[in-house]
């Protein structure tokens, strides 16, 4: 009986453990563990939650800023030669589940943005190899831009200052910037909370408000 009781108590302990709350994102970032099998729920950002950070609407984007793409090095100016751009600044394709969820979600509006005259890009400080793996696994229909030194992130004034050590140093605020072909910033959305991002509907509404 004692052995049976012990067995049932062990099963109960395992069940409770399986239902317990997951580790926080901060813990995941510290340990470097990626949540691979569970989607994070990204809450929609409200107008009141959008913060004023980075280059302002009407200012010129840093056209000479250098980025890595799957095809090699390029500048923002060269990328804009292909047409006006909507750039989603995100923290990491490797360890940020909220970013992974968002990057997969916006794949659904590539054609909607093209119909409106905009090319979609994702930008993070991850290496081109990491971005290519993620893009291939998720069959992304848009291009990722690699900013490993966070130079472009800094040129836009989007570095999140709360991170001063660890792997998150150099990540941007979760942001969306819409830029015309000459490099003028025509609208933007910057979230102060990385768990809140514009939904696809909000992104399209942002473009339609121009």
N, C-alpha and C. Protein backbone atom coordinates (compact mmCIF):
# COMPACT_ATOMS: atom_id res chain seq x y z
N UNK A 1 0.83 -1.21 0.00
CA UNK A 1 0.00 0.00 0.00
C UNK A 1 0.86 1.26 0.00
N UNK A 2 1.95 1.20 0.82
CA UNK A 2 2.82 2.36 0.87
C UNK A 2 3.42 2.65 -0.49
N UNK A 3 3.83 1.55 -1.20
CA UNK A 3 4.43 1.73 -2.52
C UNK A 3 3.41 2.28 -3.51
N UNK A 4 2.14 1.83 -3.38
CA UNK A 4 1.08 2.33 -4.26
C UNK A 4 0.81 3.79 -4.01
N UNK A 5 0.76 4.16 -2.72
CA UNK A 5 0.52 5.57 -2.37
C UNK A 5 1.64 6.45 -2.89
N UNK A 6 2.87 5.95 -2.78
CA UNK A 6 4.02 6.72 -3.24
C UNK A 6 3.96 6.92 -4.75
N UNK A 7 3.52 5.86 -5.46
CA UNK A 7 3.40 5.95 -6.91
C UNK A 7 2.39 7.01 -7.31
N UNK A 8 1.21 7.01 -6.66
CA UNK A 8 0.18 7.98 -6.99
C UNK A 8 0.62 9.40 -6.65
N UNK A 9 1.34 9.58 -5.55
CA UNK A 9 1.80 10.93 -5.19
C UNK A 9 2.81 11.42 -6.20
N UNK A 10 3.64 10.52 -6.75
CA UNK A 10 4.63 10.91 -7.75
C UNK A 10 3.93 11.34 -9.03
N UNK A 11 2.87 10.58 -9.42
CA UNK A 11 2.11 10.93 -10.63
C UNK A 11 1.46 12.29 -10.46
N UNK A 12 0.90 12.54 -9.28
CA UNK A 12 0.25 13.84 -9.03
C UNK A 12 1.25 14.97 -9.12
N UNK A 13 2.47 14.74 -8.59
CA UNK A 13 3.49 15.78 -8.63
C UNK A 13 3.88 16.09 -10.06
N UNK A 14 4.01 15.07 -10.90
CA UNK A 14 4.36 15.28 -12.30
C UNK A 14 3.25 16.04 -13.01
N UNK A 15 1.99 15.69 -12.72
CA UNK A 15 0.85 16.37 -13.35
C UNK A 15 0.81 17.84 -12.99
N UNK A 16 1.05 18.15 -11.71
CA UNK A 16 1.05 19.53 -11.28
C UNK A 16 2.18 20.30 -11.94
N UNK A 17 3.33 19.63 -12.05
CA UNK A 17 4.47 20.28 -12.70
C UNK A 17 4.16 20.60 -14.14
N UNK A 18 3.47 19.68 -14.84
CA UNK A 18 3.16 19.89 -16.25
C UNK A 18 2.19 21.04 -16.44
N UNK A 19 1.35 21.32 -15.46
CA UNK A 19 0.35 22.37 -15.58
C UNK A 19 0.82 23.69 -14.99
N UNK A 20 2.02 23.71 -14.45
CA UNK A 20 2.49 24.93 -13.79
C UNK A 20 2.79 26.01 -14.82
N UNK A 21 2.94 27.25 -14.34
CA UNK A 21 3.20 28.38 -15.21
C UNK A 21 4.57 28.24 -15.85
N UNK A 22 4.70 28.61 -17.14
CA UNK A 22 6.00 28.55 -17.79
C UNK A 22 6.93 29.60 -17.23
N UNK A 23 8.22 29.41 -17.47
CA UNK A 23 9.21 30.40 -17.03
C UNK A 23 8.95 31.71 -17.74
N UNK A 24 9.28 32.82 -17.10
CA UNK A 24 9.08 34.13 -17.70
C UNK A 24 10.03 34.31 -18.86
N UNK A 25 9.71 35.31 -19.72
CA UNK A 25 10.59 35.58 -20.86
C UNK A 25 11.97 35.99 -20.40
N UNK A 26 12.02 36.72 -19.26
CA UNK A 26 13.32 37.16 -18.76
C UNK A 26 14.16 35.96 -18.39
N UNK A 27 13.53 34.97 -17.76
CA UNK A 27 14.26 33.75 -17.42
C UNK A 27 14.72 33.03 -18.68
N UNK A 28 13.84 32.99 -19.71
CA UNK A 28 14.20 32.31 -20.95
C UNK A 28 15.36 33.01 -21.63
N UNK A 29 15.35 34.34 -21.57
CA UNK A 29 16.44 35.08 -22.20
C UNK A 29 17.74 34.84 -21.46
N UNK A 30 17.67 34.77 -20.13
CA UNK A 30 18.87 34.56 -19.35
C UNK A 30 19.46 33.18 -19.60
N UNK A 31 18.62 32.19 -19.66
CA UNK A 31 19.09 30.82 -19.83
C UNK A 31 19.38 30.49 -21.28
N UNK A 32 18.86 31.31 -22.20
CA UNK A 32 19.09 31.07 -23.62
C UNK A 32 18.22 29.98 -24.19
N UNK A 33 17.16 29.59 -23.49
CA UNK A 33 16.28 28.53 -23.97
C UNK A 33 15.16 29.13 -24.81
N UNK A 34 14.86 28.49 -25.93
CA UNK A 34 13.79 28.95 -26.82
C UNK A 34 12.59 28.05 -26.63
N UNK A 35 11.40 28.65 -26.53
CA UNK A 35 10.18 27.87 -26.44
C UNK A 35 9.77 27.50 -27.86
N UNK A 36 10.01 26.25 -28.25
CA UNK A 36 9.85 25.85 -29.63
C UNK A 36 8.44 25.36 -29.96
N UNK A 37 7.75 24.81 -29.00
CA UNK A 37 6.51 24.13 -29.31
C UNK A 37 5.26 24.87 -28.84
N UNK A 38 5.42 26.09 -28.40
CA UNK A 38 4.27 26.81 -27.85
C UNK A 38 4.25 28.24 -28.36
N UNK A 39 3.16 28.62 -28.99
CA UNK A 39 3.02 29.97 -29.48
C UNK A 39 2.79 30.93 -28.32
N UNK A 40 3.45 32.06 -28.36
CA UNK A 40 3.18 33.11 -27.40
C UNK A 40 2.05 33.98 -27.93
N UNK A 41 1.16 34.37 -27.07
CA UNK A 41 0.06 35.25 -27.47
C UNK A 41 0.57 36.68 -27.45
N UNK A 42 0.55 37.30 -28.62
CA UNK A 42 1.01 38.68 -28.74
C UNK A 42 -0.21 39.58 -28.65
N UNK A 43 -0.26 40.40 -27.62
CA UNK A 43 -1.41 41.28 -27.42
C UNK A 43 -1.33 42.46 -28.39
N UNK A 44 -2.47 42.90 -28.92
CA UNK A 44 -2.46 44.06 -29.81
C UNK A 44 -2.10 45.33 -29.06
N UNK A 45 -1.37 46.19 -29.72
CA UNK A 45 -0.98 47.45 -29.09
C UNK A 45 -2.09 48.48 -29.31
N UNK A 46 -2.33 49.31 -28.31
CA UNK A 46 -3.29 50.39 -28.46
C UNK A 46 -2.54 51.68 -28.74
N UNK A 47 -3.26 52.66 -29.23
CA UNK A 47 -2.62 53.95 -29.53
C UNK A 47 -1.98 54.55 -28.29
N UNK A 48 -2.63 54.36 -27.15
CA UNK A 48 -2.11 54.90 -25.90
C UNK A 48 -0.82 54.22 -25.46
N UNK A 49 -0.63 52.97 -25.92
CA UNK A 49 0.56 52.22 -25.52
C UNK A 49 1.74 52.41 -26.47
N UNK A 50 1.51 53.12 -27.56
CA UNK A 50 2.60 53.42 -28.50
C UNK A 50 3.46 54.52 -27.89
N UNK A 51 4.76 54.32 -27.90
CA UNK A 51 5.66 55.30 -27.30
C UNK A 51 6.35 56.12 -28.37
N UNK A 52 6.83 57.28 -27.99
CA UNK A 52 7.55 58.14 -28.92
C UNK A 52 9.04 57.85 -28.77
N UNK A 53 9.55 57.05 -29.66
CA UNK A 53 10.96 56.68 -29.64
C UNK A 53 11.45 56.55 -31.08
N UNK A 54 12.71 56.79 -31.28
CA UNK A 54 13.29 56.64 -32.61
C UNK A 54 13.06 57.85 -33.49
N UNK A 55 13.49 57.75 -34.74
CA UNK A 55 13.33 58.84 -35.69
C UNK A 55 11.85 59.19 -35.84
N UNK A 56 11.59 60.47 -36.03
CA UNK A 56 10.21 60.95 -36.11
C UNK A 56 9.67 60.84 -37.53
N UNK A 57 8.35 60.82 -37.62
CA UNK A 57 7.69 60.86 -38.92
C UNK A 57 8.12 62.15 -39.63
N UNK A 58 8.51 62.02 -40.89
CA UNK A 58 8.99 63.16 -41.66
C UNK A 58 10.49 63.24 -41.75
N UNK A 59 11.18 62.55 -40.84
CA UNK A 59 12.64 62.54 -40.88
C UNK A 59 13.15 61.54 -41.92
N UNK A 60 14.43 61.69 -42.24
CA UNK A 60 15.05 60.84 -43.23
C UNK A 60 15.66 59.61 -42.56
N UNK A 61 15.37 58.46 -43.13
CA UNK A 61 15.98 57.22 -42.64
C UNK A 61 17.47 57.20 -43.03
N UNK A 62 18.29 56.48 -42.30
CA UNK A 62 19.73 56.42 -42.58
C UNK A 62 20.02 55.55 -43.81
N UNK A 63 20.01 56.16 -44.98
CA UNK A 63 20.11 55.40 -46.22
C UNK A 63 21.45 54.69 -46.39
N UNK A 64 22.49 55.23 -45.76
CA UNK A 64 23.81 54.62 -45.91
C UNK A 64 24.03 53.47 -44.93
N UNK A 65 23.07 53.26 -44.03
CA UNK A 65 23.22 52.19 -43.03
C UNK A 65 23.33 50.84 -43.73
N UNK A 66 24.30 50.03 -43.28
CA UNK A 66 24.60 48.76 -43.94
C UNK A 66 23.92 47.59 -43.23
N UNK A 67 23.39 46.68 -44.04
CA UNK A 67 22.69 45.51 -43.55
C UNK A 67 23.19 44.28 -44.29
N UNK A 68 23.00 43.12 -43.67
CA UNK A 68 23.30 41.85 -44.33
C UNK A 68 22.00 41.21 -44.77
N UNK A 69 21.98 40.70 -45.99
CA UNK A 69 20.83 39.96 -46.48
C UNK A 69 21.31 38.58 -46.93
N UNK A 70 20.39 37.75 -47.34
CA UNK A 70 20.78 36.42 -47.83
C UNK A 70 21.66 36.52 -49.07
N UNK A 71 21.60 37.67 -49.74
CA UNK A 71 22.39 37.86 -50.96
C UNK A 71 23.69 38.62 -50.71
N UNK A 72 23.97 38.94 -49.45
CA UNK A 72 25.19 39.67 -49.13
C UNK A 72 24.89 41.03 -48.53
N UNK A 73 25.89 41.88 -48.46
CA UNK A 73 25.73 43.19 -47.82
C UNK A 73 24.98 44.16 -48.73
N UNK A 74 24.19 45.01 -48.12
CA UNK A 74 23.45 46.03 -48.84
C UNK A 74 23.26 47.23 -47.93
N UNK A 75 22.82 48.33 -48.49
CA UNK A 75 22.47 49.50 -47.69
C UNK A 75 20.96 49.67 -47.69
N UNK A 76 20.49 50.43 -46.74
CA UNK A 76 19.05 50.69 -46.70
C UNK A 76 18.60 51.40 -47.96
N UNK A 77 19.44 52.31 -48.46
CA UNK A 77 19.12 53.02 -49.69
C UNK A 77 18.96 52.09 -50.87
N UNK A 78 19.86 51.09 -50.96
CA UNK A 78 19.77 50.12 -52.05
C UNK A 78 18.51 49.26 -51.92
N UNK A 79 18.16 48.93 -50.70
CA UNK A 79 16.94 48.14 -50.49
C UNK A 79 15.70 48.93 -50.91
N UNK A 80 15.71 50.23 -50.64
CA UNK A 80 14.56 51.07 -51.01
C UNK A 80 14.46 51.30 -52.51
N UNK A 81 15.53 51.01 -53.25
CA UNK A 81 15.44 51.12 -54.71
C UNK A 81 14.40 50.15 -55.27
N UNK A 82 14.09 49.10 -54.50
CA UNK A 82 13.08 48.13 -54.92
C UNK A 82 11.65 48.61 -54.64
N UNK A 83 11.54 49.75 -53.96
CA UNK A 83 10.22 50.29 -53.68
C UNK A 83 10.08 50.69 -52.22
N UNK A 84 9.03 51.43 -51.88
CA UNK A 84 8.77 51.80 -50.48
C UNK A 84 8.72 50.55 -49.60
N UNK A 85 9.06 50.74 -48.34
CA UNK A 85 9.21 49.58 -47.45
C UNK A 85 8.44 49.75 -46.15
N UNK A 86 7.95 48.62 -45.66
CA UNK A 86 7.45 48.53 -44.29
C UNK A 86 8.41 47.59 -43.55
N UNK A 87 9.11 48.13 -42.57
CA UNK A 87 10.13 47.36 -41.85
C UNK A 87 9.64 47.08 -40.44
N UNK A 88 9.62 45.80 -40.09
CA UNK A 88 9.25 45.37 -38.75
C UNK A 88 10.54 45.11 -37.98
N UNK A 89 10.84 45.99 -37.03
CA UNK A 89 12.01 45.81 -36.16
C UNK A 89 11.62 44.84 -35.04
N UNK A 90 12.37 43.78 -34.90
CA UNK A 90 12.03 42.76 -33.91
C UNK A 90 13.28 42.32 -33.17
N UNK A 91 13.10 41.70 -32.03
CA UNK A 91 14.23 41.44 -31.14
C UNK A 91 15.10 40.27 -31.56
N UNK A 92 14.52 39.11 -31.78
CA UNK A 92 15.34 37.97 -32.18
C UNK A 92 14.49 36.84 -32.74
N UNK A 93 14.97 36.24 -33.83
CA UNK A 93 14.30 35.06 -34.38
C UNK A 93 14.70 33.81 -33.60
N UNK A 94 15.72 33.90 -32.78
CA UNK A 94 16.26 32.72 -32.09
C UNK A 94 15.62 32.49 -30.73
N UNK A 95 15.53 33.52 -29.90
CA UNK A 95 15.16 33.30 -28.51
C UNK A 95 13.91 34.06 -28.05
N UNK A 96 13.32 34.87 -28.92
CA UNK A 96 12.14 35.66 -28.51
C UNK A 96 10.87 35.06 -29.11
N UNK A 97 10.08 34.32 -28.34
CA UNK A 97 8.88 33.68 -28.89
C UNK A 97 7.83 34.68 -29.36
N UNK A 98 7.76 35.86 -28.74
CA UNK A 98 6.82 36.87 -29.20
C UNK A 98 7.19 37.35 -30.61
N UNK A 99 8.51 37.48 -30.83
CA UNK A 99 8.99 37.89 -32.15
C UNK A 99 8.71 36.82 -33.19
N UNK A 100 8.94 35.57 -32.81
CA UNK A 100 8.69 34.46 -33.73
C UNK A 100 7.22 34.44 -34.13
N UNK A 101 6.34 34.63 -33.16
CA UNK A 101 4.91 34.64 -33.44
C UNK A 101 4.55 35.78 -34.40
N UNK A 102 5.09 36.96 -34.14
CA UNK A 102 4.79 38.12 -34.99
C UNK A 102 5.31 37.91 -36.41
N UNK A 103 6.55 37.43 -36.52
CA UNK A 103 7.15 37.26 -37.85
C UNK A 103 6.41 36.23 -38.68
N UNK A 104 5.89 35.21 -38.03
CA UNK A 104 5.08 34.22 -38.75
C UNK A 104 3.73 34.83 -39.14
N UNK A 105 3.17 35.63 -38.26
CA UNK A 105 1.85 36.22 -38.51
C UNK A 105 1.86 37.18 -39.69
N UNK A 106 2.87 38.04 -39.78
CA UNK A 106 2.87 39.05 -40.84
C UNK A 106 3.10 38.46 -42.22
N UNK A 107 3.48 37.19 -42.27
CA UNK A 107 3.61 36.51 -43.56
C UNK A 107 2.30 36.54 -44.33
N UNK A 108 1.19 36.65 -43.60
CA UNK A 108 -0.14 36.62 -44.21
C UNK A 108 -0.49 37.92 -44.93
N UNK A 109 0.25 39.00 -44.68
CA UNK A 109 -0.12 40.28 -45.30
C UNK A 109 0.91 40.77 -46.33
N UNK A 110 1.81 39.89 -46.74
CA UNK A 110 2.79 40.27 -47.76
C UNK A 110 2.10 40.79 -49.02
N UNK A 111 1.12 40.04 -49.50
CA UNK A 111 0.43 40.44 -50.73
C UNK A 111 -0.42 41.69 -50.52
N UNK A 112 -1.04 41.81 -49.34
CA UNK A 112 -1.83 43.01 -49.04
C UNK A 112 -0.96 44.26 -49.09
N UNK A 113 0.25 44.15 -48.56
CA UNK A 113 1.16 45.30 -48.56
C UNK A 113 1.66 45.59 -49.98
N UNK A 114 1.93 44.54 -50.74
CA UNK A 114 2.37 44.75 -52.13
C UNK A 114 1.29 45.45 -52.94
N UNK A 115 0.04 45.09 -52.69
CA UNK A 115 -1.06 45.76 -53.39
C UNK A 115 -1.11 47.25 -53.05
N UNK A 116 -0.64 47.58 -51.87
CA UNK A 116 -0.61 48.98 -51.44
C UNK A 116 0.71 49.66 -51.83
N UNK A 117 1.60 48.90 -52.46
CA UNK A 117 2.85 49.48 -52.97
C UNK A 117 4.04 49.36 -52.05
N UNK A 118 3.97 48.48 -51.04
CA UNK A 118 5.06 48.37 -50.06
C UNK A 118 5.65 46.97 -50.01
N UNK A 119 6.96 46.91 -49.90
CA UNK A 119 7.66 45.64 -49.66
C UNK A 119 7.84 45.47 -48.16
N UNK A 120 7.62 44.26 -47.69
CA UNK A 120 7.73 43.95 -46.27
C UNK A 120 9.11 43.39 -45.95
N UNK A 121 9.69 43.86 -44.85
CA UNK A 121 10.98 43.35 -44.37
C UNK A 121 10.90 43.15 -42.85
N UNK A 122 11.61 42.14 -42.37
CA UNK A 122 11.83 41.99 -40.93
C UNK A 122 13.28 42.32 -40.65
N UNK A 123 13.55 42.97 -39.53
CA UNK A 123 14.92 43.35 -39.19
C UNK A 123 15.21 42.97 -37.74
N UNK A 124 16.34 42.26 -37.54
CA UNK A 124 16.77 41.92 -36.18
C UNK A 124 18.29 41.87 -36.14
N UNK A 125 18.84 41.73 -34.94
CA UNK A 125 20.31 41.68 -34.83
C UNK A 125 20.85 40.26 -35.00
N UNK A 126 20.01 39.32 -35.38
CA UNK A 126 20.45 37.94 -35.58
C UNK A 126 21.34 37.85 -36.82
N UNK A 127 22.12 36.78 -36.90
CA UNK A 127 22.97 36.55 -38.06
C UNK A 127 22.12 36.18 -39.27
N UNK A 128 22.64 36.39 -40.48
CA UNK A 128 21.91 35.98 -41.68
C UNK A 128 21.60 34.48 -41.67
N UNK A 129 22.51 33.66 -41.15
CA UNK A 129 22.28 32.22 -41.09
C UNK A 129 21.08 31.89 -40.21
N UNK A 130 21.00 32.53 -39.04
CA UNK A 130 19.87 32.29 -38.14
C UNK A 130 18.57 32.73 -38.79
N UNK A 131 18.60 33.89 -39.44
CA UNK A 131 17.40 34.39 -40.11
C UNK A 131 16.98 33.47 -41.25
N UNK A 132 17.97 32.97 -42.01
CA UNK A 132 17.64 32.08 -43.13
C UNK A 132 17.01 30.78 -42.65
N UNK A 133 17.52 30.24 -41.54
CA UNK A 133 16.93 29.02 -40.98
C UNK A 133 15.48 29.26 -40.59
N UNK A 134 15.25 30.37 -39.89
CA UNK A 134 13.89 30.69 -39.47
C UNK A 134 12.99 30.92 -40.67
N UNK A 135 13.48 31.69 -41.64
CA UNK A 135 12.68 31.99 -42.83
C UNK A 135 12.32 30.72 -43.59
N UNK A 136 13.31 29.82 -43.72
CA UNK A 136 13.05 28.58 -44.43
C UNK A 136 12.07 27.68 -43.70
N UNK A 137 12.25 27.57 -42.40
CA UNK A 137 11.35 26.72 -41.60
C UNK A 137 9.92 27.23 -41.62
N UNK A 138 9.77 28.55 -41.64
CA UNK A 138 8.43 29.14 -41.59
C UNK A 138 7.92 29.53 -42.97
N UNK A 139 8.72 29.29 -44.00
CA UNK A 139 8.33 29.61 -45.39
C UNK A 139 7.90 31.07 -45.53
N UNK A 140 8.71 31.96 -44.97
CA UNK A 140 8.40 33.39 -45.04
C UNK A 140 8.47 33.87 -46.48
N UNK A 141 7.55 34.72 -46.86
CA UNK A 141 7.49 35.25 -48.21
C UNK A 141 8.06 36.67 -48.28
N UNK A 142 8.75 37.08 -47.25
CA UNK A 142 9.38 38.41 -47.24
C UNK A 142 10.82 38.25 -46.78
N UNK A 143 11.61 39.29 -46.93
CA UNK A 143 13.04 39.22 -46.67
C UNK A 143 13.37 39.67 -45.25
N UNK A 144 14.29 38.96 -44.61
CA UNK A 144 14.82 39.38 -43.32
C UNK A 144 16.12 40.15 -43.55
N UNK A 145 16.35 41.17 -42.73
CA UNK A 145 17.55 42.00 -42.80
C UNK A 145 18.32 41.83 -41.49
N UNK A 146 19.61 41.54 -41.61
CA UNK A 146 20.44 41.29 -40.45
C UNK A 146 21.25 42.53 -40.08
N UNK A 147 21.12 42.92 -38.82
CA UNK A 147 21.85 44.09 -38.28
C UNK A 147 22.61 43.63 -37.04
N UNK A 148 23.62 42.78 -37.25
CA UNK A 148 24.31 42.16 -36.11
C UNK A 148 24.95 43.16 -35.14
N UNK A 149 25.55 44.24 -35.63
CA UNK A 149 26.11 45.19 -34.66
C UNK A 149 25.08 46.16 -34.09
N UNK A 150 23.82 46.02 -34.48
CA UNK A 150 22.74 46.94 -34.07
C UNK A 150 23.00 48.36 -34.54
N UNK A 151 23.76 48.51 -35.61
CA UNK A 151 24.09 49.85 -36.12
C UNK A 151 22.88 50.54 -36.73
N UNK A 152 22.07 49.79 -37.46
CA UNK A 152 20.87 50.37 -38.05
C UNK A 152 19.83 50.65 -36.97
N UNK A 153 19.73 49.72 -36.04
CA UNK A 153 18.84 49.91 -34.89
C UNK A 153 19.20 51.21 -34.16
N UNK A 154 20.49 51.43 -33.96
CA UNK A 154 20.94 52.66 -33.29
C UNK A 154 20.70 53.89 -34.16
N UNK A 155 20.91 53.74 -35.48
CA UNK A 155 20.71 54.88 -36.38
C UNK A 155 19.26 55.33 -36.40
N UNK A 156 18.35 54.39 -36.18
CA UNK A 156 16.93 54.73 -36.07
C UNK A 156 16.55 55.18 -34.66
N UNK A 157 17.48 55.04 -33.70
CA UNK A 157 17.20 55.42 -32.32
C UNK A 157 16.27 54.48 -31.61
N UNK A 158 16.33 53.19 -31.97
CA UNK A 158 15.35 52.23 -31.46
C UNK A 158 15.92 51.23 -30.46
N UNK A 159 17.18 51.34 -30.10
CA UNK A 159 17.74 50.39 -29.13
C UNK A 159 16.98 50.48 -27.81
N UNK A 160 16.58 49.33 -27.28
CA UNK A 160 15.88 49.29 -26.00
C UNK A 160 16.91 49.46 -24.88
N UNK A 161 16.86 50.57 -24.13
CA UNK A 161 17.92 50.88 -23.16
C UNK A 161 17.86 50.06 -21.88
N UNK A 162 16.80 49.28 -21.69
CA UNK A 162 16.70 48.55 -20.42
C UNK A 162 17.69 47.38 -20.36
N UNK A 163 18.23 46.97 -21.51
CA UNK A 163 19.15 45.83 -21.52
C UNK A 163 20.59 46.33 -21.58
N UNK A 164 21.33 46.08 -20.52
CA UNK A 164 22.72 46.53 -20.43
C UNK A 164 23.70 45.36 -20.33
N UNK A 165 23.18 44.15 -20.21
CA UNK A 165 24.03 42.97 -20.19
C UNK A 165 23.22 41.77 -20.67
N UNK A 166 23.93 40.73 -21.08
CA UNK A 166 23.25 39.53 -21.56
C UNK A 166 22.96 39.58 -23.04
N UNK A 167 22.29 38.56 -23.53
CA UNK A 167 22.09 38.41 -24.96
C UNK A 167 21.12 39.42 -25.56
N UNK A 168 20.35 40.09 -24.72
CA UNK A 168 19.36 41.04 -25.25
C UNK A 168 19.95 42.43 -25.50
N UNK A 169 21.22 42.64 -25.17
CA UNK A 169 21.84 43.95 -25.42
C UNK A 169 21.83 44.22 -26.93
N UNK A 170 21.29 45.37 -27.31
CA UNK A 170 21.25 45.75 -28.71
C UNK A 170 19.95 45.50 -29.42
N UNK A 171 18.96 44.91 -28.71
CA UNK A 171 17.68 44.67 -29.37
C UNK A 171 16.90 45.99 -29.51
N UNK A 172 16.04 46.06 -30.52
CA UNK A 172 15.23 47.27 -30.67
C UNK A 172 13.90 47.16 -29.94
N UNK A 173 13.26 48.31 -29.74
CA UNK A 173 11.85 48.27 -29.39
C UNK A 173 11.10 47.57 -30.53
N UNK A 174 10.07 46.84 -30.19
CA UNK A 174 9.23 46.24 -31.22
C UNK A 174 8.55 47.37 -31.98
N UNK A 175 8.89 47.51 -33.26
CA UNK A 175 8.48 48.70 -34.01
C UNK A 175 8.11 48.36 -35.44
N UNK A 176 7.29 49.22 -36.01
CA UNK A 176 6.97 49.17 -37.43
C UNK A 176 7.23 50.56 -38.02
N UNK A 177 8.07 50.62 -39.06
CA UNK A 177 8.36 51.88 -39.74
C UNK A 177 7.98 51.74 -41.21
N UNK A 178 7.25 52.72 -41.71
CA UNK A 178 6.90 52.76 -43.12
C UNK A 178 7.71 53.89 -43.76
N UNK A 179 8.46 53.53 -44.81
CA UNK A 179 9.43 54.44 -45.41
C UNK A 179 9.19 54.53 -46.91
N UNK A 180 9.19 55.76 -47.44
CA UNK A 180 8.98 55.88 -48.89
C UNK A 180 10.28 55.60 -49.63
N UNK A 181 10.22 55.61 -50.95
CA UNK A 181 11.36 55.17 -51.75
C UNK A 181 12.55 56.11 -51.63
N UNK A 182 12.30 57.36 -51.23
CA UNK A 182 13.39 58.32 -51.05
C UNK A 182 13.97 58.28 -49.64
N UNK A 183 13.38 57.45 -48.77
CA UNK A 183 13.92 57.31 -47.43
C UNK A 183 13.21 58.13 -46.37
N UNK A 184 12.13 58.78 -46.73
CA UNK A 184 11.38 59.57 -45.74
C UNK A 184 10.48 58.66 -44.92
N UNK A 185 10.51 58.83 -43.60
CA UNK A 185 9.63 58.05 -42.72
C UNK A 185 8.24 58.66 -42.78
N UNK A 186 7.27 57.85 -43.20
CA UNK A 186 5.93 58.42 -43.41
C UNK A 186 4.93 58.03 -42.33
N UNK A 187 5.20 56.98 -41.60
CA UNK A 187 4.40 56.65 -40.41
C UNK A 187 5.14 55.58 -39.63
N UNK A 188 4.76 55.37 -38.38
CA UNK A 188 5.46 54.39 -37.55
C UNK A 188 4.61 54.00 -36.36
N UNK A 189 4.99 52.91 -35.72
CA UNK A 189 4.39 52.47 -34.46
C UNK A 189 5.49 51.83 -33.64
N UNK A 190 5.69 52.32 -32.41
CA UNK A 190 6.73 51.80 -31.53
C UNK A 190 6.10 51.38 -30.22
N UNK A 191 6.32 50.14 -29.83
CA UNK A 191 5.75 49.61 -28.59
C UNK A 191 6.79 49.60 -27.49
N UNK A 192 6.40 50.07 -26.32
CA UNK A 192 7.29 50.02 -25.16
C UNK A 192 7.25 48.68 -24.45
N UNK A 193 6.30 47.83 -24.82
CA UNK A 193 6.14 46.51 -24.21
C UNK A 193 6.31 45.46 -25.31
N UNK A 194 7.37 44.65 -25.21
CA UNK A 194 7.67 43.70 -26.28
C UNK A 194 6.59 42.62 -26.44
N UNK A 195 5.70 42.49 -25.46
CA UNK A 195 4.63 41.50 -25.56
C UNK A 195 3.44 42.03 -26.36
N UNK A 196 3.49 43.31 -26.73
CA UNK A 196 2.39 43.93 -27.47
C UNK A 196 2.91 44.44 -28.81
N UNK A 197 2.30 43.98 -29.88
CA UNK A 197 2.71 44.34 -31.24
C UNK A 197 1.46 44.68 -32.04
N UNK A 198 1.61 45.50 -33.07
CA UNK A 198 0.45 45.75 -33.94
C UNK A 198 -0.03 44.46 -34.61
N UNK A 199 -1.31 44.26 -34.64
CA UNK A 199 -1.87 43.11 -35.36
C UNK A 199 -1.74 43.38 -36.86
N UNK A 200 -1.99 42.35 -37.65
CA UNK A 200 -1.98 42.54 -39.10
C UNK A 200 -2.97 43.61 -39.53
N UNK A 201 -4.14 43.60 -38.91
CA UNK A 201 -5.17 44.59 -39.24
C UNK A 201 -4.69 46.00 -38.88
N UNK A 202 -4.01 46.12 -37.74
CA UNK A 202 -3.50 47.42 -37.34
C UNK A 202 -2.39 47.91 -38.27
N UNK A 203 -1.56 46.97 -38.74
CA UNK A 203 -0.48 47.35 -39.67
C UNK A 203 -1.08 47.86 -40.97
N UNK A 204 -2.07 47.16 -41.50
CA UNK A 204 -2.70 47.59 -42.74
C UNK A 204 -3.43 48.92 -42.55
N UNK A 205 -4.04 49.09 -41.39
CA UNK A 205 -4.72 50.36 -41.10
C UNK A 205 -3.70 51.50 -41.01
N UNK A 206 -2.52 51.20 -40.47
CA UNK A 206 -1.46 52.21 -40.38
C UNK A 206 -1.06 52.67 -41.77
N UNK A 207 -0.90 51.71 -42.68
CA UNK A 207 -0.54 52.04 -44.06
C UNK A 207 -1.68 52.80 -44.75
N UNK A 208 -2.90 52.37 -44.52
CA UNK A 208 -4.05 53.01 -45.17
C UNK A 208 -4.28 54.42 -44.64
N UNK A 209 -3.72 54.76 -43.49
CA UNK A 209 -3.91 56.10 -42.92
C UNK A 209 -2.98 57.13 -43.55
N UNK A 210 -2.04 56.69 -44.36
CA UNK A 210 -1.06 57.60 -44.96
C UNK A 210 -1.75 58.50 -46.00
